[in-house]
Amino acid sequence: MTVFFTSREATLRGRMPLLAPWVAEGGWLWIAWPREGSWRETDLSVEVIAAVGSPAGLAAGEVAGIDGTWQGLRLSR
């Protein structure tokens, strides 16, 4: 399991080619981004993250809260 924190779509798109190969069959890549209403600006959403992960062979799963600022979307192979 890997957790990658980011607030920008461009950063996620740039890092996905490096992150995706590390996700083993049955493994998870959690993408963490700021919650709506947190003090951090973001252009990420569940839909954007799923769209970035899909071409890399990763399917979106559950969303979970991490803390008061961050939430995460689980991607798996």
N, C-alpha and C. Protein backbone atom coordinates (compact mmCIF):
# COMPACT_ATOMS: atom_id res chain seq x y z
N MET A 1 0.84 -1.17 0.00
CA MET A 1 0.00 0.00 0.00
C MET A 1 0.89 1.23 0.00
N THR A 2 0.52 2.19 -0.85
CA THR A 2 1.21 3.47 -0.93
C THR A 2 0.18 4.58 -0.82
N VAL A 3 0.52 5.66 -0.13
CA VAL A 3 -0.34 6.84 -0.05
C VAL A 3 0.44 8.00 -0.65
N PHE A 4 -0.16 8.66 -1.65
CA PHE A 4 0.46 9.81 -2.31
C PHE A 4 -0.41 11.03 -2.05
N PHE A 5 0.16 12.06 -1.43
CA PHE A 5 -0.56 13.28 -1.12
C PHE A 5 -0.28 14.33 -2.19
N THR A 6 -1.33 14.94 -2.71
CA THR A 6 -1.18 16.03 -3.68
C THR A 6 -2.45 16.86 -3.68
N SER A 7 -2.32 18.08 -4.16
CA SER A 7 -3.50 18.94 -4.28
C SER A 7 -3.74 19.37 -5.73
N ARG A 8 -2.89 18.92 -6.65
CA ARG A 8 -2.98 19.36 -8.03
C ARG A 8 -3.07 18.21 -9.03
N GLU A 9 -3.97 18.35 -9.99
CA GLU A 9 -4.13 17.36 -11.04
C GLU A 9 -2.85 17.20 -11.86
N ALA A 10 -2.20 18.30 -12.19
CA ALA A 10 -0.98 18.23 -13.00
C ALA A 10 0.11 17.41 -12.30
N THR A 11 0.22 17.56 -10.99
CA THR A 11 1.20 16.79 -10.23
C THR A 11 0.85 15.31 -10.26
N LEU A 12 -0.42 14.99 -10.07
CA LEU A 12 -0.86 13.59 -10.10
C LEU A 12 -0.60 12.98 -11.48
N ARG A 13 -0.93 13.70 -12.53
CA ARG A 13 -0.69 13.19 -13.89
C ARG A 13 0.80 12.96 -14.13
N GLY A 14 1.64 13.83 -13.63
CA GLY A 14 3.07 13.68 -13.80
C GLY A 14 3.66 12.51 -13.02
N ARG A 15 3.09 12.23 -11.86
CA ARG A 15 3.61 11.16 -10.99
C ARG A 15 3.01 9.79 -11.26
N MET A 16 1.83 9.75 -11.87
CA MET A 16 1.16 8.46 -12.07
C MET A 16 2.03 7.45 -12.82
N PRO A 17 2.78 7.84 -13.86
CA PRO A 17 3.64 6.85 -14.52
C PRO A 17 4.70 6.25 -13.60
N LEU A 18 5.07 6.97 -12.55
CA LEU A 18 6.05 6.46 -11.59
C LEU A 18 5.38 5.62 -10.50
N LEU A 19 4.17 6.00 -10.11
CA LEU A 19 3.47 5.32 -9.02
C LEU A 19 2.80 4.02 -9.46
N ALA A 20 2.15 4.03 -10.61
CA ALA A 20 1.33 2.87 -11.04
C ALA A 20 2.11 1.56 -11.12
N PRO A 21 3.34 1.55 -11.64
CA PRO A 21 4.05 0.27 -11.72
C PRO A 21 4.34 -0.38 -10.37
N TRP A 22 4.30 0.39 -9.30
CA TRP A 22 4.57 -0.15 -7.97
C TRP A 22 3.36 -0.83 -7.34
N VAL A 23 2.19 -0.70 -7.99
CA VAL A 23 0.98 -1.31 -7.44
C VAL A 23 0.89 -2.76 -7.91
N ALA A 24 1.15 -3.67 -7.00
CA ALA A 24 1.08 -5.10 -7.32
C ALA A 24 -0.37 -5.54 -7.43
N GLU A 25 -0.59 -6.68 -8.05
CA GLU A 25 -1.93 -7.26 -8.10
C GLU A 25 -2.43 -7.41 -6.67
N GLY A 26 -3.58 -6.87 -6.38
CA GLY A 26 -4.11 -6.91 -5.02
C GLY A 26 -3.61 -5.79 -4.13
N GLY A 27 -2.68 -4.97 -4.64
CA GLY A 27 -2.16 -3.86 -3.85
C GLY A 27 -3.01 -2.61 -4.03
N TRP A 28 -2.72 -1.60 -3.24
CA TRP A 28 -3.50 -0.37 -3.26
C TRP A 28 -2.59 0.83 -3.40
N LEU A 29 -3.07 1.80 -4.14
CA LEU A 29 -2.47 3.14 -4.20
C LEU A 29 -3.56 4.10 -3.76
N TRP A 30 -3.34 4.75 -2.63
CA TRP A 30 -4.28 5.75 -2.14
C TRP A 30 -3.79 7.11 -2.60
N ILE A 31 -4.67 7.86 -3.25
CA ILE A 31 -4.37 9.23 -3.63
C ILE A 31 -5.11 10.12 -2.63
N ALA A 32 -4.34 10.91 -1.89
CA ALA A 32 -4.91 11.80 -0.88
C ALA A 32 -4.94 13.22 -1.43
N TRP A 33 -6.07 13.89 -1.26
CA TRP A 33 -6.20 15.27 -1.70
C TRP A 33 -7.01 16.04 -0.66
N PRO A 34 -6.90 17.37 -0.64
CA PRO A 34 -7.58 18.16 0.40
C PRO A 34 -9.10 18.06 0.30
N ARG A 35 -9.71 17.97 1.47
CA ARG A 35 -11.17 17.95 1.55
C ARG A 35 -11.73 19.31 1.10
N GLU A 36 -12.94 19.28 0.57
CA GLU A 36 -13.63 20.52 0.27
C GLU A 36 -13.82 21.30 1.57
N GLY A 37 -13.54 22.57 1.54
CA GLY A 37 -13.68 23.39 2.74
C GLY A 37 -12.44 23.43 3.61
N SER A 38 -11.39 22.68 3.24
CA SER A 38 -10.15 22.75 4.01
C SER A 38 -9.39 24.01 3.59
N TRP A 39 -8.36 24.33 4.26
CA TRP A 39 -7.58 25.53 3.98
C TRP A 39 -6.72 25.41 2.73
N ARG A 40 -6.66 24.22 2.13
CA ARG A 40 -5.83 24.01 0.93
C ARG A 40 -6.69 24.03 -0.33
N GLU A 41 -6.19 24.71 -1.34
CA GLU A 41 -6.87 24.72 -2.64
C GLU A 41 -6.54 23.45 -3.40
N THR A 42 -7.49 22.98 -4.21
CA THR A 42 -7.26 21.77 -5.00
C THR A 42 -8.10 21.81 -6.27
N ASP A 43 -7.64 21.13 -7.29
CA ASP A 43 -8.45 20.94 -8.49
C ASP A 43 -8.73 19.44 -8.69
N LEU A 44 -8.57 18.66 -7.61
CA LEU A 44 -8.81 17.22 -7.67
C LEU A 44 -10.20 16.87 -7.15
N SER A 45 -10.71 15.76 -7.63
CA SER A 45 -11.98 15.19 -7.19
C SER A 45 -11.89 13.68 -7.42
N VAL A 46 -12.87 12.96 -6.95
CA VAL A 46 -12.91 11.51 -7.18
C VAL A 46 -12.89 11.23 -8.68
N GLU A 47 -13.65 11.98 -9.43
CA GLU A 47 -13.74 11.76 -10.87
C GLU A 47 -12.41 12.01 -11.58
N VAL A 48 -11.73 13.07 -11.20
CA VAL A 48 -10.43 13.39 -11.81
C VAL A 48 -9.41 12.31 -11.49
N ILE A 49 -9.34 11.91 -10.23
CA ILE A 49 -8.36 10.90 -9.82
C ILE A 49 -8.64 9.58 -10.54
N ALA A 50 -9.91 9.18 -10.62
CA ALA A 50 -10.27 7.94 -11.32
C ALA A 50 -9.87 8.03 -12.79
N ALA A 51 -10.06 9.19 -13.41
CA ALA A 51 -9.72 9.37 -14.82
C ALA A 51 -8.21 9.31 -15.05
N VAL A 52 -7.43 9.77 -14.09
CA VAL A 52 -5.96 9.71 -14.21
C VAL A 52 -5.48 8.27 -13.99
N GLY A 53 -6.08 7.55 -13.07
CA GLY A 53 -5.65 6.19 -12.76
C GLY A 53 -6.06 5.15 -13.78
N SER A 54 -7.16 5.36 -14.44
CA SER A 54 -7.70 4.37 -15.38
C SER A 54 -6.74 4.00 -16.51
N PRO A 55 -6.13 4.93 -17.22
CA PRO A 55 -5.20 4.55 -18.29
C PRO A 55 -3.97 3.78 -17.80
N ALA A 56 -3.68 3.92 -16.51
CA ALA A 56 -2.56 3.20 -15.91
C ALA A 56 -2.99 1.81 -15.43
N GLY A 57 -4.24 1.43 -15.68
CA GLY A 57 -4.74 0.12 -15.27
C GLY A 57 -5.22 0.06 -13.85
N LEU A 58 -5.52 1.21 -13.26
CA LEU A 58 -5.96 1.27 -11.86
C LEU A 58 -7.42 1.67 -11.79
N ALA A 59 -8.19 0.94 -11.00
CA ALA A 59 -9.61 1.19 -10.84
C ALA A 59 -9.88 1.87 -9.51
N ALA A 60 -10.80 2.82 -9.53
CA ALA A 60 -11.17 3.55 -8.31
C ALA A 60 -12.01 2.67 -7.40
N GLY A 61 -11.78 2.82 -6.12
CA GLY A 61 -12.53 2.09 -5.10
C GLY A 61 -13.17 3.05 -4.13
N GLU A 62 -12.96 2.79 -2.85
CA GLU A 62 -13.61 3.57 -1.81
C GLU A 62 -12.89 4.89 -1.53
N VAL A 63 -13.63 5.82 -0.97
CA VAL A 63 -13.09 7.08 -0.48
C VAL A 63 -13.10 7.00 1.04
N ALA A 64 -12.04 7.50 1.66
CA ALA A 64 -11.96 7.48 3.12
C ALA A 64 -11.36 8.79 3.61
N GLY A 65 -11.83 9.24 4.76
CA GLY A 65 -11.25 10.42 5.39
C GLY A 65 -9.94 10.03 6.07
N ILE A 66 -8.96 10.90 5.96
CA ILE A 66 -7.68 10.67 6.62
C ILE A 66 -7.61 11.50 7.90
N ASP A 67 -7.93 12.79 7.78
CA ASP A 67 -8.01 13.67 8.94
C ASP A 67 -8.90 14.84 8.55
N GLY A 68 -8.82 15.95 9.27
CA GLY A 68 -9.67 17.09 8.99
C GLY A 68 -9.35 17.82 7.70
N THR A 69 -8.18 17.58 7.15
CA THR A 69 -7.75 18.25 5.92
C THR A 69 -7.78 17.33 4.71
N TRP A 70 -7.40 16.08 4.89
CA TRP A 70 -7.18 15.17 3.76
C TRP A 70 -8.21 14.05 3.69
N GLN A 71 -8.53 13.66 2.46
CA GLN A 71 -9.33 12.47 2.17
C GLN A 71 -8.57 11.67 1.11
N GLY A 72 -8.90 10.41 0.96
CA GLY A 72 -8.17 9.58 0.02
C GLY A 72 -9.10 8.71 -0.82
N LEU A 73 -8.66 8.45 -2.04
CA LEU A 73 -9.35 7.52 -2.94
C LEU A 73 -8.44 6.34 -3.19
N ARG A 74 -8.96 5.13 -2.98
CA ARG A 74 -8.17 3.92 -3.18
C ARG A 74 -8.23 3.50 -4.64
N LEU A 75 -7.06 3.31 -5.23
CA LEU A 75 -6.94 2.77 -6.57
C LEU A 75 -6.30 1.38 -6.47
N SER A 76 -6.77 0.45 -7.27
CA SER A 76 -6.20 -0.89 -7.25
C SER A 76 -6.12 -1.44 -8.66
N ARG A 77 -5.26 -2.43 -8.82
CA ARG A 77 -5.06 -3.04 -10.14
C ARG A 77 -6.14 -4.06 -10.39
